[in-house]
Amino acid sequence: MDKETKEQFERLNKKLNDLLAAQRKVSETWVGPSFVTDLTGWNFEKMRQARQNKMIEFKRSPGGGYLYKLESIPEQFIKKVS
């Protein structure tokens, strides 16, 4: 690969990575435990198990509790409400 082609490839690769990072940031919705319990029917013990088994993405909230990434909840655990 010649120098010019390589530089062009690297620029495109960087732009793609920047776009993907921006898209990931936009598609993250962090919700509290009550939202997750309503959505899934899980109790707080099931949520602890989901955190421990890495079934759902979570982070500590500023208040010391947990926040859960809505997009990481497996679809099979979401209750279908009619």
N, C-alpha and C. Protein backbone atom coordinates (compact mmCIF):
# COMPACT_ATOMS: atom_id res chain seq x y z
N MET A 1 0.86 -1.17 0.00
CA MET A 1 0.00 0.00 0.00
C MET A 1 0.91 1.24 0.00
N ASP A 2 0.66 2.15 -0.91
CA ASP A 2 1.50 3.34 -0.97
C ASP A 2 1.15 4.30 0.18
N LYS A 3 2.01 5.26 0.40
CA LYS A 3 1.89 6.17 1.54
C LYS A 3 0.57 6.95 1.51
N GLU A 4 0.21 7.48 0.36
CA GLU A 4 -1.02 8.28 0.23
C GLU A 4 -2.26 7.45 0.54
N THR A 5 -2.30 6.24 0.01
CA THR A 5 -3.44 5.35 0.25
C THR A 5 -3.53 4.98 1.73
N LYS A 6 -2.39 4.72 2.33
CA LYS A 6 -2.36 4.38 3.75
C LYS A 6 -2.86 5.54 4.61
N GLU A 7 -2.43 6.76 4.31
CA GLU A 7 -2.88 7.94 5.06
C GLU A 7 -4.39 8.13 4.90
N GLN A 8 -4.88 7.95 3.69
CA GLN A 8 -6.32 8.09 3.44
C GLN A 8 -7.09 7.02 4.22
N PHE A 9 -6.60 5.81 4.21
CA PHE A 9 -7.22 4.73 4.96
C PHE A 9 -7.27 5.06 6.45
N GLU A 10 -6.17 5.56 7.00
CA GLU A 10 -6.11 5.89 8.42
C GLU A 10 -7.08 7.00 8.78
N ARG A 11 -7.24 8.00 7.89
CA ARG A 11 -8.20 9.08 8.13
C ARG A 11 -9.63 8.54 8.15
N LEU A 12 -9.95 7.69 7.18
CA LEU A 12 -11.29 7.10 7.13
C LEU A 12 -11.55 6.21 8.34
N ASN A 13 -10.56 5.45 8.73
CA ASN A 13 -10.70 4.58 9.89
C ASN A 13 -10.96 5.39 11.16
N LYS A 14 -10.25 6.49 11.33
CA LYS A 14 -10.45 7.36 12.49
C LYS A 14 -11.86 7.95 12.48
N LYS A 15 -12.31 8.42 11.31
CA LYS A 15 -13.66 8.98 11.22
C LYS A 15 -14.72 7.94 11.56
N LEU A 16 -14.56 6.74 11.07
CA LEU A 16 -15.51 5.67 11.38
C LEU A 16 -15.53 5.37 12.87
N ASN A 17 -14.37 5.29 13.48
CA ASN A 17 -14.31 5.04 14.91
C ASN A 17 -14.94 6.16 15.72
N ASP A 18 -14.74 7.41 15.30
CA ASP A 18 -15.37 8.55 15.97
C ASP A 18 -16.89 8.48 15.85
N LEU A 19 -17.37 8.14 14.66
CA LEU A 19 -18.83 8.03 14.45
C LEU A 19 -19.42 6.91 15.30
N LEU A 20 -18.75 5.78 15.36
CA LEU A 20 -19.23 4.67 16.18
C LEU A 20 -19.25 5.03 17.65
N ALA A 21 -18.24 5.72 18.13
CA ALA A 21 -18.20 6.14 19.53
C ALA A 21 -19.34 7.11 19.84
N ALA A 22 -19.60 8.04 18.93
CA ALA A 22 -20.70 8.99 19.12
C ALA A 22 -22.04 8.27 19.14
N GLN A 23 -22.21 7.28 18.28
CA GLN A 23 -23.46 6.52 18.24
C GLN A 23 -23.66 5.75 19.53
N ARG A 24 -22.61 5.16 20.07
CA ARG A 24 -22.72 4.41 21.32
C ARG A 24 -23.14 5.33 22.45
N LYS A 25 -22.60 6.55 22.49
CA LYS A 25 -22.96 7.49 23.55
C LYS A 25 -24.44 7.87 23.45
N VAL A 26 -24.93 8.06 22.24
CA VAL A 26 -26.31 8.46 22.04
C VAL A 26 -27.27 7.34 22.44
N SER A 27 -26.89 6.10 22.20
CA SER A 27 -27.81 4.99 22.42
C SER A 27 -27.71 4.41 23.83
N GLU A 28 -27.13 5.13 24.78
CA GLU A 28 -27.08 4.65 26.15
C GLU A 28 -28.12 5.36 26.98
N THR A 29 -29.02 4.58 27.58
CA THR A 29 -30.05 5.12 28.45
C THR A 29 -29.87 4.47 29.82
N TRP A 30 -29.52 5.28 30.80
CA TRP A 30 -29.30 4.76 32.15
C TRP A 30 -30.54 5.00 33.00
N VAL A 31 -31.03 3.93 33.63
CA VAL A 31 -32.27 4.01 34.41
C VAL A 31 -32.02 3.48 35.81
N GLY A 32 -32.91 3.85 36.71
CA GLY A 32 -32.82 3.42 38.09
C GLY A 32 -33.39 2.02 38.29
N PRO A 33 -33.18 1.46 39.47
CA PRO A 33 -33.64 0.10 39.75
C PRO A 33 -35.16 -0.07 39.67
N SER A 34 -35.92 0.93 40.05
CA SER A 34 -37.38 0.81 39.99
C SER A 34 -37.87 0.62 38.56
N PHE A 35 -37.23 1.30 37.62
CA PHE A 35 -37.59 1.16 36.22
C PHE A 35 -37.34 -0.27 35.76
N VAL A 36 -36.20 -0.83 36.16
CA VAL A 36 -35.85 -2.19 35.76
C VAL A 36 -36.81 -3.20 36.39
N THR A 37 -37.16 -3.01 37.65
CA THR A 37 -38.09 -3.95 38.29
C THR A 37 -39.46 -3.90 37.62
N ASP A 38 -39.91 -2.71 37.24
CA ASP A 38 -41.20 -2.60 36.54
C ASP A 38 -41.13 -3.26 35.16
N LEU A 39 -40.02 -3.08 34.47
CA LEU A 39 -39.86 -3.59 33.12
C LEU A 39 -39.71 -5.11 33.07
N THR A 40 -39.02 -5.67 34.05
CA THR A 40 -38.67 -7.08 34.02
C THR A 40 -39.43 -7.95 35.01
N GLY A 41 -39.92 -7.35 36.07
CA GLY A 41 -40.54 -8.15 37.13
C GLY A 41 -39.51 -8.70 38.12
N TRP A 42 -38.23 -8.35 37.91
CA TRP A 42 -37.19 -8.80 38.83
C TRP A 42 -37.36 -8.10 40.18
N ASN A 43 -36.96 -8.80 41.25
CA ASN A 43 -36.85 -8.15 42.54
C ASN A 43 -35.40 -7.71 42.71
N PHE A 44 -35.09 -7.11 43.85
CA PHE A 44 -33.74 -6.59 44.02
C PHE A 44 -32.69 -7.70 44.11
N GLU A 45 -33.06 -8.87 44.59
CA GLU A 45 -32.13 -10.01 44.61
C GLU A 45 -31.81 -10.48 43.19
N LYS A 46 -32.81 -10.55 42.33
CA LYS A 46 -32.57 -10.94 40.93
C LYS A 46 -31.68 -9.91 40.24
N MET A 47 -31.86 -8.64 40.57
CA MET A 47 -31.02 -7.61 39.97
C MET A 47 -29.58 -7.75 40.46
N ARG A 48 -29.39 -8.08 41.73
CA ARG A 48 -28.05 -8.31 42.26
C ARG A 48 -27.39 -9.47 41.52
N GLN A 49 -28.16 -10.54 41.29
CA GLN A 49 -27.64 -11.69 40.57
C GLN A 49 -27.30 -11.33 39.13
N ALA A 50 -28.13 -10.51 38.52
CA ALA A 50 -27.86 -10.08 37.13
C ALA A 50 -26.57 -9.27 37.07
N ARG A 51 -26.35 -8.40 38.08
CA ARG A 51 -25.09 -7.64 38.13
C ARG A 51 -23.91 -8.58 38.32
N GLN A 52 -24.04 -9.49 39.27
CA GLN A 52 -22.96 -10.40 39.60
C GLN A 52 -22.58 -11.29 38.41
N ASN A 53 -23.58 -11.74 37.65
CA ASN A 53 -23.36 -12.62 36.50
C ASN A 53 -23.12 -11.85 35.20
N LYS A 54 -23.02 -10.52 35.32
CA LYS A 54 -22.75 -9.65 34.16
C LYS A 54 -23.80 -9.83 33.05
N MET A 55 -25.04 -10.02 33.46
CA MET A 55 -26.14 -10.15 32.50
C MET A 55 -26.63 -8.79 32.05
N ILE A 56 -26.31 -7.75 32.80
CA ILE A 56 -26.79 -6.41 32.53
C ILE A 56 -25.67 -5.44 32.87
N GLU A 57 -25.54 -4.38 32.08
CA GLU A 57 -24.52 -3.37 32.37
C GLU A 57 -25.05 -2.43 33.44
N PHE A 58 -24.17 -2.05 34.35
CA PHE A 58 -24.56 -1.17 35.43
C PHE A 58 -23.39 -0.29 35.82
N LYS A 59 -23.71 0.75 36.56
CA LYS A 59 -22.69 1.62 37.13
C LYS A 59 -23.24 2.19 38.42
N ARG A 60 -22.36 2.68 39.24
CA ARG A 60 -22.78 3.30 40.50
C ARG A 60 -23.36 4.69 40.21
N SER A 61 -24.44 5.00 40.88
CA SER A 61 -25.02 6.33 40.74
C SER A 61 -24.32 7.27 41.71
N PRO A 62 -24.45 8.57 41.50
CA PRO A 62 -23.81 9.53 42.42
C PRO A 62 -24.29 9.36 43.87
N GLY A 63 -25.51 8.88 44.05
CA GLY A 63 -26.06 8.68 45.39
C GLY A 63 -25.61 7.39 46.05
N GLY A 64 -24.86 6.57 45.35
CA GLY A 64 -24.35 5.33 45.94
C GLY A 64 -25.09 4.08 45.51
N GLY A 65 -26.22 4.23 44.83
CA GLY A 65 -26.97 3.07 44.35
C GLY A 65 -26.45 2.62 43.00
N TYR A 66 -27.33 2.04 42.21
CA TYR A 66 -26.95 1.56 40.88
C TYR A 66 -27.82 2.19 39.82
N LEU A 67 -27.24 2.33 38.65
CA LEU A 67 -27.96 2.68 37.44
C LEU A 67 -27.73 1.56 36.45
N TYR A 68 -28.74 1.27 35.63
CA TYR A 68 -28.67 0.15 34.70
C TYR A 68 -28.83 0.66 33.28
N LYS A 69 -28.02 0.10 32.38
CA LYS A 69 -28.11 0.49 30.98
C LYS A 69 -29.29 -0.25 30.36
N LEU A 70 -30.30 0.51 29.99
CA LEU A 70 -31.54 -0.05 29.47
C LEU A 70 -31.30 -0.95 28.26
N GLU A 71 -30.43 -0.55 27.36
CA GLU A 71 -30.18 -1.33 26.15
C GLU A 71 -29.48 -2.66 26.42
N SER A 72 -28.96 -2.84 27.63
CA SER A 72 -28.25 -4.08 27.93
C SER A 72 -29.15 -5.16 28.53
N ILE A 73 -30.40 -4.82 28.82
CA ILE A 73 -31.31 -5.81 29.39
C ILE A 73 -31.71 -6.79 28.29
N PRO A 74 -31.42 -8.08 28.48
CA PRO A 74 -31.79 -9.06 27.45
C PRO A 74 -33.30 -9.04 27.19
N GLU A 75 -33.67 -9.06 25.93
CA GLU A 75 -35.07 -8.92 25.52
C GLU A 75 -35.96 -9.99 26.15
N GLN A 76 -35.43 -11.19 26.35
CA GLN A 76 -36.25 -12.26 26.89
C GLN A 76 -36.70 -12.00 28.33
N PHE A 77 -36.07 -11.02 29.01
CA PHE A 77 -36.46 -10.71 30.37
C PHE A 77 -37.45 -9.55 30.46
N ILE A 78 -37.72 -8.90 29.35
CA ILE A 78 -38.65 -7.77 29.35
C ILE A 78 -40.07 -8.31 29.25
N LYS A 79 -40.90 -7.90 30.24
CA LYS A 79 -42.29 -8.35 30.25
C LYS A 79 -43.04 -7.68 29.10
N LYS A 80 -43.86 -8.46 28.45
CA LYS A 80 -44.71 -7.90 27.39
C LYS A 80 -46.04 -7.52 28.02
N VAL A 81 -46.33 -6.23 28.00
CA VAL A 81 -47.57 -5.74 28.59
C VAL A 81 -48.52 -5.38 27.45
N SER A 82 -49.73 -5.91 27.52
CA SER A 82 -50.68 -5.60 26.45
C SER A 82 -51.67 -4.55 26.86
